[in-house]
Amino acid sequence: MHALNPGATLFSCLAIAIEAGLMLGSIMVSRHNLWICIGFHIGWNLTAALLGIPVSGQHIYGFMVMKVQGPTLLTGGSFGIEASLIPVILGLLVSAAFLLCRGRDTMIGSRT
């Protein structure tokens, strides 16, 4: 669905797949709780919107209006910060952390 948004690119779609798909999927697999995933998604969108940062190409006016400048790889361009390399890296780290916790919980559970 995000591919149809204004400013969407192949990289923004890949970034969303990693940030939302992989990260939220790893949270779901690790915690078996859809509400945590919903909370992450709402928290991300709400924070960006309140700061005036475009959310998936949609310009929403929040408490502040930010004009992000710099290389598109770091700012996400007109699509918003979601199409930036920074949240992709953070999404991979969060995914790894939740999957490592899942692996640890599985190993601990198998000893009892």
Protein backbone atom coordinates (compact mmCIF):
# COMPACT_ATOMS: atom_id res chain seq x y z
CA MET A 1 0.00 0.00 0.00
CA HIS A 2 2.86 2.41 0.73
CA ALA A 3 4.11 2.04 -2.86
CA LEU A 4 1.12 4.10 -4.03
CA ASN A 5 1.91 7.04 -1.72
CA PRO A 6 3.42 10.30 -3.01
CA GLY A 7 7.21 10.21 -3.28
CA ALA A 8 7.41 6.40 -3.04
CA THR A 9 10.47 4.76 -4.56
CA LEU A 10 11.83 1.25 -4.74
CA PHE A 11 14.06 2.04 -1.75
CA SER A 12 11.15 3.45 0.29
CA CYS A 13 9.20 0.22 -0.33
CA LEU A 14 12.19 -1.87 0.72
CA ALA A 15 12.68 0.33 3.79
CA ILE A 16 9.02 -0.05 4.81
CA ALA A 17 9.27 -3.82 4.30
CA ILE A 18 12.25 -3.96 6.67
CA GLU A 19 11.00 -1.44 9.22
CA ALA A 20 7.40 -2.58 9.37
CA GLY A 21 7.41 -6.08 7.93
CA LEU A 22 10.55 -7.53 9.46
CA MET A 23 10.53 -5.55 12.68
CA LEU A 24 6.83 -5.94 13.47
CA GLY A 25 6.98 -9.57 12.36
CA SER A 26 9.88 -10.27 14.70
CA ILE A 27 8.02 -8.59 17.55
CA MET A 28 4.95 -10.73 16.83
CA VAL A 29 7.00 -13.94 16.68
CA SER A 30 8.87 -13.04 19.84
CA ARG A 31 6.05 -11.76 22.02
CA HIS A 32 2.91 -13.31 20.47
CA ASN A 33 1.14 -10.02 21.06
CA LEU A 34 -0.40 -8.07 18.22
CA TRP A 35 -1.01 -5.05 20.48
CA ILE A 36 2.73 -4.43 20.84
CA CYS A 37 3.00 -4.32 17.04
CA ILE A 38 0.02 -1.99 16.80
CA GLY A 39 1.57 0.23 19.49
CA PHE A 40 4.90 0.42 17.63
CA HIS A 41 3.11 1.38 14.41
CA ILE A 42 0.89 4.01 16.03
CA GLY A 43 3.82 5.38 18.03
CA TRP A 44 5.98 5.77 14.92
CA ASN A 45 3.28 7.45 12.83
CA LEU A 46 2.09 9.68 15.65
CA THR A 47 5.59 10.83 16.59
CA ALA A 48 6.49 11.68 13.00
CA ALA A 49 3.16 13.43 12.42
CA LEU A 50 3.40 15.52 15.60
CA LEU A 51 6.91 16.60 14.60
CA GLY A 52 5.64 17.64 11.17
CA ILE A 53 7.69 15.01 9.33
CA PRO A 54 5.98 13.40 6.31
CA VAL A 55 4.62 9.95 7.14
CA SER A 56 4.87 7.58 4.18
CA GLY A 57 4.69 10.45 1.73
CA GLN A 58 1.71 12.09 3.45
CA HIS A 59 2.36 15.60 4.74
CA ILE A 60 0.60 16.05 8.05
CA TYR A 61 0.79 19.28 10.01
CA GLY A 62 1.68 18.64 13.63
CA PHE A 63 2.91 20.82 16.48
CA MET A 64 6.02 21.66 14.51
CA VAL A 65 6.84 21.95 10.85
CA MET A 66 10.14 20.40 9.90
CA LYS A 67 11.98 20.96 6.69
CA VAL A 68 14.50 18.16 6.57
CA GLN A 69 17.53 18.89 4.41
CA GLY A 70 20.38 16.69 3.33
CA PRO A 71 21.00 13.59 1.26
CA THR A 72 17.85 11.59 0.49
CA LEU A 73 19.55 8.46 1.81
CA LEU A 74 19.66 10.10 5.25
CA THR A 75 16.46 12.18 5.16
CA GLY A 76 14.09 10.01 3.13
CA GLY A 77 13.30 12.93 0.84
CA SER A 78 9.66 13.79 0.20
CA PHE A 79 8.51 10.33 1.36
CA GLY A 80 9.66 11.02 4.90
CA ILE A 81 12.13 9.61 7.37
CA GLU A 82 10.81 6.07 6.78
CA ALA A 83 12.69 6.04 3.46
CA SER A 84 15.95 6.86 5.21
CA LEU A 85 18.82 4.49 5.90
CA ILE A 86 18.72 5.38 9.63
CA PRO A 87 15.36 3.75 10.50
CA VAL A 88 16.26 0.78 8.28
CA ILE A 89 19.34 0.15 10.42
CA LEU A 90 17.35 0.73 13.62
CA GLY A 91 14.62 -1.61 12.35
CA LEU A 92 17.20 -4.33 11.69
CA LEU A 93 18.67 -3.86 15.18
CA VAL A 94 15.26 -3.98 16.87
CA SER A 95 14.34 -7.05 14.81
CA ALA A 96 17.57 -8.79 15.81
CA ALA A 97 17.01 -7.93 19.48
CA PHE A 98 13.48 -9.35 19.51
CA LEU A 99 14.57 -12.49 17.64
CA LEU A 100 17.49 -12.98 20.01
CA CYS A 101 15.09 -12.65 22.95
CA ARG A 102 12.84 -15.21 21.27
CA GLY A 103 15.77 -17.60 20.88
CA ARG A 104 16.84 -17.08 24.49
CA ASP A 105 13.30 -17.62 25.76
CA THR A 106 13.03 -20.82 23.71
CA MET A 107 16.32 -22.16 25.08
CA ILE A 108 15.38 -21.29 28.66
CA GLY A 109 11.97 -22.89 28.23
CA SER A 110 13.46 -26.11 26.85
CA ARG A 111 15.65 -26.64 29.94
CA THR A 112 12.74 -26.89 32.34
